[in-house]
Amino acid sequence: MNMQANNADQFRRNAKGHLVPVEQIKDIDRLRDDLVTGVIGRVKALQEEMRRVKADIASEVEAFLELSAREYDTTYGGKKGNVTLSSFDGEHQIKRAVADHLAFDERLQVAKELIDQCIHEWTAGSSSEVQALVEHAFQTDKEGKISTARVLGLRSLNIKDDKWQQAMQAIMDSIQVTGSKSYLRFYERQGQDGPYRQIPLDVAAL
């Protein structure tokens, strides 16, 4: 233990992974290193505390909802577990939103083929903008995944073509729910009758 402590006092690892004797490091570089390392340590501790608090709050909210449903027959929130809880004076709110993680199965390729057929059959002048939207929607990211939001956005196009409508239905049929994630947000009312404003937990927003 003492040898490791002494080694840490005598050497510091640089960006290339090399151990550099402390006496060869400029004072300003050591001070900068001390500042960044110390701050990041505190930030990571804060991050861990926020994870713990979030888990505690989520458990407390779930326990309250179960108690309410069981003993008081009160229904909160909307579909898929979305819930808004307000304080008695209406000054504060807790909102829990549950978002599904979506993915597409092999039927998405059927939709893409139908869409390509539509674009090929339409005149070039009327399909060029649609073609650009389609190509953008089906682009993959660095991990090879297709954006569900962009693909589903194609359904907002007001196109009555039967084959296009078949493609849109194929897109909907190809959607698979692969999981869900719960989000907690906290709000405070601005004035007696003012709007609710989210209480920021992002350090940059404080």
N, C-alpha and C. Protein backbone atom coordinates (compact mmCIF):
# COMPACT_ATOMS: atom_id res chain seq x y z
N MET A 1 0.83 -1.19 0.00
CA MET A 1 0.00 0.00 0.00
C MET A 1 0.86 1.25 0.00
N ASN A 2 1.89 1.26 0.88
CA ASN A 2 2.76 2.42 0.99
C ASN A 2 3.54 2.62 -0.31
N MET A 3 3.96 1.49 -0.93
CA MET A 3 4.70 1.58 -2.18
C MET A 3 3.83 2.20 -3.27
N GLN A 4 2.51 1.81 -3.30
CA GLN A 4 1.61 2.38 -4.30
C GLN A 4 1.40 3.86 -4.06
N ALA A 5 1.26 4.25 -2.79
CA ALA A 5 1.08 5.66 -2.46
C ALA A 5 2.31 6.46 -2.85
N ASN A 6 3.51 5.91 -2.53
CA ASN A 6 4.74 6.59 -2.88
C ASN A 6 4.88 6.73 -4.39
N ASN A 7 4.51 5.66 -5.10
CA ASN A 7 4.59 5.68 -6.57
C ASN A 7 3.67 6.76 -7.14
N ALA A 8 2.45 6.89 -6.55
CA ALA A 8 1.51 7.90 -7.02
C ALA A 8 2.04 9.30 -6.74
N ASP A 9 2.79 9.45 -5.63
CA ASP A 9 3.36 10.75 -5.31
C ASP A 9 4.54 11.10 -6.21
N GLN A 10 5.22 10.09 -6.70
CA GLN A 10 6.44 10.32 -7.47
C GLN A 10 6.20 10.39 -8.97
N PHE A 11 5.15 9.75 -9.46
CA PHE A 11 4.89 9.69 -10.89
C PHE A 11 3.44 10.05 -11.19
N ARG A 12 3.22 10.57 -12.39
CA ARG A 12 1.87 10.78 -12.90
C ARG A 12 1.82 10.28 -14.34
N ARG A 13 0.70 9.69 -14.69
CA ARG A 13 0.57 9.12 -16.03
C ARG A 13 0.13 10.21 -17.00
N ASN A 14 0.80 10.32 -18.14
CA ASN A 14 0.42 11.34 -19.11
C ASN A 14 -0.62 10.79 -20.09
N ALA A 15 -1.00 11.63 -21.06
CA ALA A 15 -2.07 11.26 -21.99
C ALA A 15 -1.71 10.07 -22.86
N LYS A 16 -0.40 9.77 -23.01
CA LYS A 16 0.02 8.63 -23.81
C LYS A 16 0.18 7.37 -22.98
N GLY A 17 -0.10 7.48 -21.67
CA GLY A 17 0.01 6.31 -20.80
C GLY A 17 1.37 6.12 -20.17
N HIS A 18 2.28 7.08 -20.36
CA HIS A 18 3.62 6.96 -19.80
C HIS A 18 3.68 7.54 -18.40
N LEU A 19 4.44 6.90 -17.51
CA LEU A 19 4.65 7.43 -16.18
C LEU A 19 5.75 8.50 -16.23
N VAL A 20 5.41 9.69 -15.76
CA VAL A 20 6.35 10.81 -15.79
C VAL A 20 6.69 11.21 -14.36
N PRO A 21 7.99 11.31 -14.00
CA PRO A 21 8.36 11.75 -12.65
C PRO A 21 7.76 13.12 -12.35
N VAL A 22 7.22 13.27 -11.14
CA VAL A 22 6.55 14.51 -10.75
C VAL A 22 7.47 15.71 -10.88
N GLU A 23 8.77 15.52 -10.55
CA GLU A 23 9.69 16.65 -10.59
C GLU A 23 9.92 17.16 -12.02
N GLN A 24 9.55 16.35 -13.02
CA GLN A 24 9.70 16.78 -14.41
C GLN A 24 8.44 17.46 -14.96
N ILE A 25 7.41 17.54 -14.14
CA ILE A 25 6.15 18.14 -14.57
C ILE A 25 6.10 19.59 -14.08
N LYS A 26 5.73 20.51 -14.95
CA LYS A 26 5.64 21.91 -14.58
C LYS A 26 4.59 22.10 -13.49
N ASP A 27 4.82 23.08 -12.64
CA ASP A 27 3.89 23.35 -11.54
C ASP A 27 2.48 23.62 -12.04
N ILE A 28 2.36 24.39 -13.12
CA ILE A 28 1.03 24.73 -13.63
C ILE A 28 0.31 23.49 -14.15
N ASP A 29 1.08 22.53 -14.71
CA ASP A 29 0.47 21.29 -15.20
C ASP A 29 0.02 20.42 -14.03
N ARG A 30 0.80 20.39 -12.95
CA ARG A 30 0.40 19.62 -11.78
C ARG A 30 -0.84 20.24 -11.12
N LEU A 31 -0.86 21.58 -11.05
CA LEU A 31 -2.02 22.24 -10.45
C LEU A 31 -3.29 22.00 -11.27
N ARG A 32 -3.12 22.04 -12.60
CA ARG A 32 -4.27 21.76 -13.47
C ARG A 32 -4.74 20.33 -13.26
N ASP A 33 -3.81 19.39 -13.18
CA ASP A 33 -4.14 17.99 -12.97
C ASP A 33 -4.86 17.81 -11.64
N ASP A 34 -4.37 18.47 -10.59
CA ASP A 34 -5.01 18.38 -9.28
C ASP A 34 -6.44 18.91 -9.33
N LEU A 35 -6.62 20.04 -10.02
CA LEU A 35 -7.95 20.64 -10.13
C LEU A 35 -8.93 19.71 -10.84
N VAL A 36 -8.52 19.25 -12.04
CA VAL A 36 -9.42 18.42 -12.85
C VAL A 36 -9.72 17.11 -12.14
N THR A 37 -8.71 16.46 -11.60
CA THR A 37 -8.90 15.18 -10.93
C THR A 37 -9.80 15.33 -9.70
N GLY A 38 -9.58 16.39 -8.94
CA GLY A 38 -10.40 16.62 -7.75
C GLY A 38 -11.85 16.90 -8.10
N VAL A 39 -12.06 17.76 -9.11
CA VAL A 39 -13.43 18.10 -9.49
C VAL A 39 -14.16 16.88 -10.04
N ILE A 40 -13.51 16.12 -10.90
CA ILE A 40 -14.16 14.94 -11.49
C ILE A 40 -14.50 13.93 -10.40
N GLY A 41 -13.63 13.79 -9.40
CA GLY A 41 -13.95 12.90 -8.29
C GLY A 41 -15.22 13.32 -7.58
N ARG A 42 -15.39 14.62 -7.34
CA ARG A 42 -16.59 15.12 -6.70
C ARG A 42 -17.81 14.95 -7.60
N VAL A 43 -17.64 15.18 -8.90
CA VAL A 43 -18.76 15.04 -9.84
C VAL A 43 -19.23 13.58 -9.90
N LYS A 44 -18.29 12.64 -9.92
CA LYS A 44 -18.67 11.23 -9.96
C LYS A 44 -19.39 10.82 -8.68
N ALA A 45 -18.94 11.36 -7.55
CA ALA A 45 -19.62 11.08 -6.28
C ALA A 45 -21.05 11.64 -6.32
N LEU A 46 -21.20 12.85 -6.88
CA LEU A 46 -22.52 13.45 -7.01
C LEU A 46 -23.39 12.63 -7.95
N GLN A 47 -22.81 12.15 -9.04
CA GLN A 47 -23.54 11.32 -10.00
C GLN A 47 -24.07 10.05 -9.33
N GLU A 48 -23.24 9.43 -8.54
CA GLU A 48 -23.64 8.21 -7.83
C GLU A 48 -24.75 8.51 -6.83
N GLU A 49 -24.64 9.65 -6.13
CA GLU A 49 -25.68 10.04 -5.19
C GLU A 49 -27.00 10.32 -5.91
N MET A 50 -26.93 10.93 -7.09
CA MET A 50 -28.14 11.19 -7.88
C MET A 50 -28.78 9.89 -8.34
N ARG A 51 -27.97 8.91 -8.69
CA ARG A 51 -28.52 7.60 -9.07
C ARG A 51 -29.27 6.99 -7.89
N ARG A 52 -28.66 7.09 -6.72
CA ARG A 52 -29.29 6.52 -5.52
C ARG A 52 -30.59 7.23 -5.20
N VAL A 53 -30.58 8.57 -5.26
CA VAL A 53 -31.78 9.35 -4.97
C VAL A 53 -32.87 9.04 -6.00
N LYS A 54 -32.50 8.94 -7.27
CA LYS A 54 -33.48 8.62 -8.31
C LYS A 54 -34.14 7.27 -8.04
N ALA A 55 -33.34 6.28 -7.69
CA ALA A 55 -33.90 4.96 -7.40
C ALA A 55 -34.83 5.01 -6.20
N ASP A 56 -34.45 5.78 -5.17
CA ASP A 56 -35.31 5.91 -3.98
C ASP A 56 -36.63 6.57 -4.33
N ILE A 57 -36.56 7.66 -5.12
CA ILE A 57 -37.78 8.37 -5.50
C ILE A 57 -38.69 7.48 -6.33
N ALA A 58 -38.10 6.77 -7.29
CA ALA A 58 -38.89 5.88 -8.14
C ALA A 58 -39.61 4.83 -7.30
N SER A 59 -38.93 4.29 -6.30
CA SER A 59 -39.55 3.29 -5.42
C SER A 59 -40.67 3.90 -4.61
N GLU A 60 -40.46 5.12 -4.11
CA GLU A 60 -41.48 5.79 -3.30
C GLU A 60 -42.72 6.11 -4.14
N VAL A 61 -42.51 6.57 -5.37
CA VAL A 61 -43.64 6.87 -6.25
C VAL A 61 -44.42 5.60 -6.56
N GLU A 62 -43.70 4.53 -6.88
CA GLU A 62 -44.37 3.26 -7.20
C GLU A 62 -45.14 2.73 -6.00
N ALA A 63 -44.56 2.85 -4.81
CA ALA A 63 -45.23 2.39 -3.59
C ALA A 63 -46.50 3.20 -3.34
N PHE A 64 -46.44 4.52 -3.57
CA PHE A 64 -47.63 5.35 -3.39
C PHE A 64 -48.73 4.96 -4.37
N LEU A 65 -48.37 4.72 -5.63
CA LEU A 65 -49.36 4.36 -6.64
C LEU A 65 -50.02 3.04 -6.31
N GLU A 66 -49.24 2.09 -5.81
CA GLU A 66 -49.80 0.81 -5.41
C GLU A 66 -50.75 0.98 -4.23
N LEU A 67 -50.34 1.79 -3.25
CA LEU A 67 -51.19 2.05 -2.09
C LEU A 67 -52.49 2.72 -2.50
N SER A 68 -52.38 3.72 -3.39
CA SER A 68 -53.55 4.46 -3.85
C SER A 68 -54.52 3.54 -4.58
N ALA A 69 -54.00 2.73 -5.47
CA ALA A 69 -54.85 1.83 -6.25
C ALA A 69 -55.51 0.78 -5.38
N ARG A 70 -54.77 0.31 -4.37
CA ARG A 70 -55.28 -0.78 -3.54
C ARG A 70 -56.29 -0.30 -2.49
N GLU A 71 -55.99 0.82 -1.84
CA GLU A 71 -56.80 1.24 -0.70
C GLU A 71 -57.79 2.34 -1.02
N TYR A 72 -57.46 3.17 -2.02
CA TYR A 72 -58.33 4.32 -2.28
C TYR A 72 -58.95 4.31 -3.66
N ASP A 73 -58.62 3.31 -4.44
CA ASP A 73 -59.21 3.14 -5.77
C ASP A 73 -59.10 4.43 -6.59
N THR A 74 -57.92 5.05 -6.53
CA THR A 74 -57.66 6.28 -7.26
C THR A 74 -56.74 5.99 -8.44
N THR A 75 -57.08 6.51 -9.60
CA THR A 75 -56.27 6.31 -10.79
C THR A 75 -55.50 7.57 -11.11
N TYR A 76 -54.19 7.43 -11.30
CA TYR A 76 -53.35 8.55 -11.67
C TYR A 76 -52.80 8.34 -13.07
N GLY A 77 -52.54 9.47 -13.72
CA GLY A 77 -51.79 9.42 -14.97
C GLY A 77 -52.56 8.85 -16.13
N GLY A 78 -51.82 8.60 -17.20
CA GLY A 78 -52.42 8.11 -18.44
C GLY A 78 -51.92 6.75 -18.79
N LYS A 79 -51.84 6.49 -20.08
CA LYS A 79 -51.46 5.17 -20.55
C LYS A 79 -49.97 4.92 -20.34
N LYS A 80 -49.61 3.65 -20.33
CA LYS A 80 -48.21 3.21 -20.27
C LYS A 80 -47.48 3.66 -19.01
N GLY A 81 -48.22 3.95 -17.95
CA GLY A 81 -47.55 4.26 -16.70
C GLY A 81 -47.16 5.71 -16.53
N ASN A 82 -47.57 6.59 -17.44
CA ASN A 82 -47.27 8.01 -17.28
C ASN A 82 -48.11 8.57 -16.13
N VAL A 83 -47.47 9.29 -15.23
CA VAL A 83 -48.13 9.74 -14.01
C VAL A 83 -47.72 11.18 -13.70
N THR A 84 -48.67 11.99 -13.22
CA THR A 84 -48.39 13.32 -12.68
C THR A 84 -48.95 13.38 -11.27
N LEU A 85 -48.12 13.67 -10.30
CA LEU A 85 -48.53 13.82 -8.91
C LEU A 85 -48.30 15.26 -8.49
N SER A 86 -49.30 15.88 -7.89
CA SER A 86 -49.20 17.28 -7.48
C SER A 86 -49.27 17.39 -5.96
N SER A 87 -48.56 18.39 -5.43
CA SER A 87 -48.66 18.67 -4.00
C SER A 87 -50.05 19.24 -3.70
N PHE A 88 -50.44 19.23 -2.43
CA PHE A 88 -51.78 19.67 -2.03
C PHE A 88 -52.04 21.12 -2.43
N ASP A 89 -50.99 21.97 -2.34
CA ASP A 89 -51.15 23.39 -2.69
C ASP A 89 -50.94 23.66 -4.17
N GLY A 90 -50.64 22.63 -4.95
CA GLY A 90 -50.47 22.78 -6.38
C GLY A 90 -49.18 23.45 -6.80
N GLU A 91 -48.26 23.66 -5.86
CA GLU A 91 -47.02 24.37 -6.18
C GLU A 91 -46.00 23.47 -6.86
N HIS A 92 -46.05 22.18 -6.60
CA HIS A 92 -45.03 21.28 -7.10
C HIS A 92 -45.65 20.04 -7.75
N GLN A 93 -44.92 19.49 -8.70
CA GLN A 93 -45.36 18.29 -9.39
C GLN A 93 -44.20 17.32 -9.58
N ILE A 94 -44.54 16.05 -9.54
CA ILE A 94 -43.62 14.99 -9.94
C ILE A 94 -44.25 14.33 -11.17
N LYS A 95 -43.47 14.21 -12.22
CA LYS A 95 -43.97 13.55 -13.42
C LYS A 95 -43.10 12.34 -13.73
N ARG A 96 -43.77 11.21 -13.88
CA ARG A 96 -43.07 10.00 -14.30
C ARG A 96 -43.55 9.64 -15.70
N ALA A 97 -42.62 9.53 -16.62
CA ALA A 97 -42.94 9.17 -17.99
C ALA A 97 -42.23 7.87 -18.33
N VAL A 98 -42.97 6.96 -18.93
CA VAL A 98 -42.39 5.68 -19.35
C VAL A 98 -42.33 5.64 -20.86
N ALA A 99 -41.12 5.54 -21.39
CA ALA A 99 -40.92 5.53 -22.83
C ALA A 99 -40.48 4.15 -23.29
N ASP A 100 -41.14 3.66 -24.33
CA ASP A 100 -40.78 2.37 -24.90
C ASP A 100 -39.56 2.49 -25.79
N HIS A 101 -38.70 1.48 -25.77
CA HIS A 101 -37.60 1.37 -26.72
C HIS A 101 -38.11 0.54 -27.90
N LEU A 102 -38.05 1.13 -29.08
CA LEU A 102 -38.61 0.48 -30.26
C LEU A 102 -37.52 0.01 -31.21
N ALA A 103 -37.81 -1.06 -31.91
CA ALA A 103 -36.92 -1.56 -32.96
C ALA A 103 -37.80 -2.13 -34.06
N PHE A 104 -37.20 -2.34 -35.22
CA PHE A 104 -37.94 -2.89 -36.36
C PHE A 104 -37.48 -4.32 -36.64
N ASP A 105 -38.42 -5.17 -37.05
CA ASP A 105 -38.04 -6.51 -37.47
C ASP A 105 -37.87 -6.54 -38.98
N GLU A 106 -37.81 -7.75 -39.56
CA GLU A 106 -37.49 -7.88 -40.98
C GLU A 106 -38.55 -7.28 -41.90
N ARG A 107 -39.76 -7.04 -41.38
CA ARG A 107 -40.82 -6.48 -42.22
C ARG A 107 -40.53 -5.04 -42.63
N LEU A 108 -39.57 -4.40 -41.97
CA LEU A 108 -39.19 -3.05 -42.39
C LEU A 108 -38.62 -3.08 -43.80
N GLN A 109 -37.93 -4.16 -44.16
CA GLN A 109 -37.38 -4.27 -45.51
C GLN A 109 -38.49 -4.39 -46.55
N VAL A 110 -39.60 -5.02 -46.16
CA VAL A 110 -40.77 -5.08 -47.06
C VAL A 110 -41.30 -3.67 -47.30
N ALA A 111 -41.38 -2.88 -46.22
CA ALA A 111 -41.85 -1.50 -46.35
C ALA A 111 -40.92 -0.70 -47.25
N LYS A 112 -39.62 -0.87 -47.05
CA LYS A 112 -38.65 -0.13 -47.86
C LYS A 112 -38.80 -0.49 -49.34
N GLU A 113 -39.02 -1.76 -49.65
CA GLU A 113 -39.18 -2.19 -51.03
C GLU A 113 -40.44 -1.58 -51.64
N LEU A 114 -41.53 -1.55 -50.88
CA LEU A 114 -42.77 -0.94 -51.37
C LEU A 114 -42.58 0.56 -51.63
N ILE A 115 -41.87 1.22 -50.72
CA ILE A 115 -41.61 2.65 -50.88
C ILE A 115 -40.76 2.90 -52.12
N ASP A 116 -39.74 2.08 -52.32
CA ASP A 116 -38.89 2.22 -53.51
C ASP A 116 -39.71 2.03 -54.79
N GLN A 117 -40.65 1.10 -54.77
CA GLN A 117 -41.51 0.88 -55.93
C GLN A 117 -42.38 2.10 -56.20
N CYS A 118 -42.88 2.71 -55.12
CA CYS A 118 -43.69 3.93 -55.28
C CYS A 118 -42.89 5.02 -55.96
N ILE A 119 -41.70 5.27 -55.46
CA ILE A 119 -40.87 6.34 -55.99
C ILE A 119 -40.50 6.07 -57.44
N HIS A 120 -40.26 4.82 -57.77
CA HIS A 120 -39.90 4.46 -59.14
C HIS A 120 -41.08 4.67 -60.08
N GLU A 121 -42.30 4.42 -59.61
CA GLU A 121 -43.48 4.54 -60.45
C GLU A 121 -43.92 5.98 -60.62
N TRP A 122 -43.67 6.82 -59.64
CA TRP A 122 -44.08 8.22 -59.73
C TRP A 122 -43.13 8.97 -60.66
N THR A 123 -43.63 10.09 -61.16
CA THR A 123 -42.77 10.91 -62.01
C THR A 123 -41.64 11.49 -61.18
N ALA A 124 -40.50 11.70 -61.77
CA ALA A 124 -39.30 12.16 -61.05
C ALA A 124 -39.55 13.49 -60.37
N GLY A 125 -40.27 14.39 -61.03
CA GLY A 125 -40.50 15.71 -60.46
C GLY A 125 -41.27 15.69 -59.16
N SER A 126 -42.24 14.79 -59.05
CA SER A 126 -43.09 14.77 -57.86
C SER A 126 -42.51 13.90 -56.75
N SER A 127 -41.45 13.13 -57.05
CA SER A 127 -40.95 12.20 -56.04
C SER A 127 -39.58 12.56 -55.49
N SER A 128 -38.91 13.57 -56.09
CA SER A 128 -37.53 13.84 -55.68
C SER A 128 -37.43 14.22 -54.21
N GLU A 129 -38.33 15.10 -53.73
CA GLU A 129 -38.27 15.48 -52.33
C GLU A 129 -38.62 14.31 -51.42
N VAL A 130 -39.62 13.54 -51.81
CA VAL A 130 -39.99 12.36 -51.02
C VAL A 130 -38.85 11.37 -50.98
N GLN A 131 -38.18 11.19 -52.11
CA GLN A 131 -37.05 10.27 -52.16
C GLN A 131 -35.95 10.69 -51.19
N ALA A 132 -35.69 12.00 -51.12
CA ALA A 132 -34.67 12.50 -50.19
C ALA A 132 -35.07 12.22 -48.75
N LEU A 133 -36.35 12.40 -48.45
CA LEU A 133 -36.84 12.12 -47.09
C LEU A 133 -36.70 10.64 -46.75
N VAL A 134 -37.02 9.79 -47.72
CA VAL A 134 -36.93 8.35 -47.50
C VAL A 134 -35.49 7.92 -47.28
N GLU A 135 -34.59 8.42 -48.12
CA GLU A 135 -33.18 8.07 -47.97
C GLU A 135 -32.64 8.51 -46.61
N HIS A 136 -33.06 9.70 -46.16
CA HIS A 136 -32.65 10.19 -44.84
C HIS A 136 -33.22 9.31 -43.74
N ALA A 137 -34.49 8.91 -43.90
CA ALA A 137 -35.15 8.11 -42.86
C ALA A 137 -34.48 6.75 -42.67
N PHE A 138 -33.98 6.18 -43.76
CA PHE A 138 -33.42 4.83 -43.68
C PHE A 138 -31.90 4.82 -43.52
N GLN A 139 -31.31 5.97 -43.29
CA GLN A 139 -29.88 6.01 -43.01
C GLN A 139 -29.60 5.35 -41.66
N THR A 140 -28.48 4.66 -41.56
CA THR A 140 -28.10 4.03 -40.31
C THR A 140 -27.05 4.86 -39.59
N ASP A 141 -26.99 4.70 -38.26
CA ASP A 141 -25.99 5.41 -37.50
C ASP A 141 -24.69 4.60 -37.45
N LYS A 142 -23.76 5.02 -36.63
CA LYS A 142 -22.47 4.34 -36.54
C LYS A 142 -22.60 2.89 -36.08
N GLU A 143 -23.68 2.59 -35.35
CA GLU A 143 -23.89 1.23 -34.86
C GLU A 143 -24.74 0.41 -35.81
N GLY A 144 -25.06 0.99 -36.98
CA GLY A 144 -25.84 0.26 -37.96
C GLY A 144 -27.34 0.24 -37.67
N LYS A 145 -27.80 1.13 -36.79
CA LYS A 145 -29.21 1.16 -36.42
C LYS A 145 -29.94 2.25 -37.19
N ILE A 146 -31.21 1.99 -37.46
CA ILE A 146 -32.06 2.95 -38.14
C ILE A 146 -32.85 3.73 -37.11
N SER A 147 -32.97 5.04 -37.30
CA SER A 147 -33.72 5.87 -36.37
C SER A 147 -35.21 5.58 -36.47
N THR A 148 -35.80 5.12 -35.38
CA THR A 148 -37.24 4.85 -35.39
C THR A 148 -38.03 6.13 -35.60
N ALA A 149 -37.55 7.23 -35.04
CA ALA A 149 -38.27 8.50 -35.17
C ALA A 149 -38.35 8.94 -36.63
N ARG A 150 -37.24 8.81 -37.37
CA ARG A 150 -37.23 9.25 -38.77
C ARG A 150 -38.12 8.36 -39.62
N VAL A 151 -38.07 7.05 -39.37
CA VAL A 151 -38.89 6.14 -40.17
C VAL A 151 -40.38 6.37 -39.88
N LEU A 152 -40.72 6.49 -38.61
CA LEU A 152 -42.12 6.72 -38.26
C LEU A 152 -42.59 8.08 -38.76
N GLY A 153 -41.64 9.02 -38.92
CA GLY A 153 -42.00 10.33 -39.45
C GLY A 153 -42.53 10.28 -40.87
N LEU A 154 -42.20 9.22 -41.62
CA LEU A 154 -42.72 9.08 -42.98
C LEU A 154 -44.24 8.96 -42.99
N ARG A 155 -44.81 8.48 -41.88
CA ARG A 155 -46.26 8.31 -41.82
C ARG A 155 -47.00 9.63 -41.81
N SER A 156 -46.28 10.73 -41.51
CA SER A 156 -46.93 12.04 -41.49
C SER A 156 -47.10 12.62 -42.89
N LEU A 157 -46.45 12.01 -43.89
CA LEU A 157 -46.59 12.49 -45.27
C LEU A 157 -47.99 12.17 -45.78
N ASN A 158 -48.63 13.15 -46.35
CA ASN A 158 -50.01 12.99 -46.82
C ASN A 158 -50.01 12.40 -48.23
N ILE A 159 -49.76 11.10 -48.31
CA ILE A 159 -49.70 10.40 -49.59
C ILE A 159 -50.78 9.31 -49.60
N LYS A 160 -51.69 9.39 -50.55
CA LYS A 160 -52.84 8.48 -50.58
C LYS A 160 -52.61 7.22 -51.41
N ASP A 161 -51.48 7.13 -52.08
CA ASP A 161 -51.19 5.98 -52.93
C ASP A 161 -51.36 4.68 -52.14
N ASP A 162 -52.06 3.70 -52.72
CA ASP A 162 -52.36 2.45 -52.02
C ASP A 162 -51.09 1.71 -51.63
N LYS A 163 -50.13 1.67 -52.55
CA LYS A 163 -48.88 0.96 -52.24
C LYS A 163 -48.13 1.66 -51.11
N TRP A 164 -48.16 2.99 -51.12
CA TRP A 164 -47.53 3.75 -50.03
C TRP A 164 -48.21 3.43 -48.71
N GLN A 165 -49.52 3.35 -48.72
CA GLN A 165 -50.26 3.03 -47.50
C GLN A 165 -49.93 1.62 -47.02
N GLN A 166 -49.73 0.70 -47.97
CA GLN A 166 -49.30 -0.66 -47.58
C GLN A 166 -47.94 -0.61 -46.91
N ALA A 167 -47.05 0.24 -47.43
CA ALA A 167 -45.72 0.39 -46.84
C ALA A 167 -45.80 0.94 -45.43
N MET A 168 -46.68 1.93 -45.23
CA MET A 168 -46.83 2.51 -43.90
C MET A 168 -47.37 1.47 -42.91
N GLN A 169 -48.27 0.62 -43.39
CA GLN A 169 -48.79 -0.43 -42.52
C GLN A 169 -47.70 -1.46 -42.21
N ALA A 170 -46.86 -1.74 -43.20
CA ALA A 170 -45.75 -2.68 -42.97
C ALA A 170 -44.79 -2.13 -41.93
N ILE A 171 -44.57 -0.81 -41.96
CA ILE A 171 -43.72 -0.19 -40.95
C ILE A 171 -44.31 -0.40 -39.57
N MET A 172 -45.61 -0.14 -39.43
CA MET A 172 -46.25 -0.30 -38.13
C MET A 172 -46.21 -1.76 -37.67
N ASP A 173 -46.39 -2.69 -38.60
CA ASP A 173 -46.36 -4.12 -38.25
C ASP A 173 -44.97 -4.57 -37.83
N SER A 174 -43.95 -3.86 -38.31
CA SER A 174 -42.58 -4.29 -38.04
C SER A 174 -42.05 -3.80 -36.68
N ILE A 175 -42.80 -2.91 -36.03
CA ILE A 175 -42.33 -2.34 -34.77
C ILE A 175 -42.37 -3.38 -33.66
N GLN A 176 -41.27 -3.48 -32.94
CA GLN A 176 -41.17 -4.36 -31.79
C GLN A 176 -40.75 -3.53 -30.57
N VAL A 177 -41.44 -3.72 -29.45
CA VAL A 177 -41.05 -3.06 -28.21
C VAL A 177 -39.98 -3.91 -27.54
N THR A 178 -38.77 -3.37 -27.44
CA THR A 178 -37.65 -4.15 -26.90
C THR A 178 -37.37 -3.84 -25.44
N GLY A 179 -38.08 -2.87 -24.88
CA GLY A 179 -37.87 -2.52 -23.48
C GLY A 179 -38.47 -1.16 -23.21
N SER A 180 -38.37 -0.71 -21.99
CA SER A 180 -38.90 0.60 -21.64
C SER A 180 -38.01 1.23 -20.57
N LYS A 181 -38.08 2.54 -20.48
CA LYS A 181 -37.30 3.27 -19.48
C LYS A 181 -38.18 4.31 -18.83
N SER A 182 -38.03 4.45 -17.52
CA SER A 182 -38.83 5.40 -16.77
C SER A 182 -38.03 6.68 -16.54
N TYR A 183 -38.69 7.82 -16.76
CA TYR A 183 -38.06 9.12 -16.55
C TYR A 183 -38.80 9.88 -15.46
N LEU A 184 -38.06 10.51 -14.58
CA LEU A 184 -38.64 11.34 -13.52
C LEU A 184 -38.27 12.79 -13.76
N ARG A 185 -39.27 13.67 -13.67
CA ARG A 185 -39.03 15.10 -13.79
C ARG A 185 -39.80 15.81 -12.68
N PHE A 186 -39.28 16.96 -12.27
CA PHE A 186 -39.84 17.66 -11.12
C PHE A 186 -40.11 19.11 -11.51
N TYR A 187 -41.27 19.62 -11.09
CA TYR A 187 -41.71 20.94 -11.53
C TYR A 187 -42.13 21.81 -10.35
N GLU A 188 -41.96 23.12 -10.54
CA GLU A 188 -42.36 24.11 -9.55
C GLU A 188 -43.13 25.21 -10.26
N ARG A 189 -44.27 25.60 -9.68
CA ARG A 189 -45.10 26.62 -10.33
C ARG A 189 -44.51 28.00 -10.11
N GLN A 190 -44.55 28.80 -11.16
CA GLN A 190 -44.03 30.17 -11.08
C GLN A 190 -45.18 31.12 -10.73
N GLY A 191 -45.30 31.45 -9.45
CA GLY A 191 -46.40 32.31 -9.02
C GLY A 191 -47.66 31.49 -8.78
N GLN A 192 -48.68 32.13 -8.22
CA GLN A 192 -49.88 31.40 -7.82
C GLN A 192 -50.60 30.75 -8.99
N ASP A 193 -50.67 31.48 -10.09
CA ASP A 193 -51.37 30.94 -11.26
C ASP A 193 -50.45 30.82 -12.48
N GLY A 194 -49.14 30.85 -12.24
CA GLY A 194 -48.20 30.82 -13.34
C GLY A 194 -47.96 29.42 -13.88
N PRO A 195 -47.15 29.33 -14.92
CA PRO A 195 -46.83 28.02 -15.51
C PRO A 195 -45.85 27.24 -14.63
N TYR A 196 -45.81 25.94 -14.87
CA TYR A 196 -44.85 25.09 -14.17
C TYR A 196 -43.52 25.13 -14.91
N ARG A 197 -42.47 25.19 -14.14
CA ARG A 197 -41.12 25.17 -14.72
C ARG A 197 -40.36 23.99 -14.14
N GLN A 198 -39.68 23.25 -15.03
CA GLN A 198 -38.93 22.09 -14.56
C GLN A 198 -37.76 22.51 -13.66
N ILE A 199 -37.61 21.80 -12.56
CA ILE A 199 -36.49 22.05 -11.66
C ILE A 199 -35.25 21.42 -12.28
N PRO A 200 -34.25 22.22 -12.66
CA PRO A 200 -33.10 21.65 -13.39
C PRO A 200 -32.19 20.84 -12.48
N LEU A 201 -31.79 19.69 -12.99
CA LEU A 201 -30.80 18.85 -12.30
C LEU A 201 -29.52 18.72 -13.11
N ASP A 202 -29.55 19.26 -14.31
CA ASP A 202 -28.35 19.32 -15.15
C ASP A 202 -27.48 20.47 -14.64
N VAL A 203 -26.23 20.18 -14.31
CA VAL A 203 -25.34 21.21 -13.75
C VAL A 203 -25.25 22.42 -14.68
N ALA A 204 -25.24 22.18 -15.98
CA ALA A 204 -25.11 23.28 -16.94
C ALA A 204 -26.31 24.21 -16.91
N ALA A 205 -27.48 23.71 -16.44
CA ALA A 205 -28.70 24.51 -16.45
C ALA A 205 -28.93 25.24 -15.13
N LEU A 206 -28.09 25.00 -14.15
CA LEU A 206 -28.29 25.63 -12.83
C LEU A 206 -27.77 27.06 -12.83
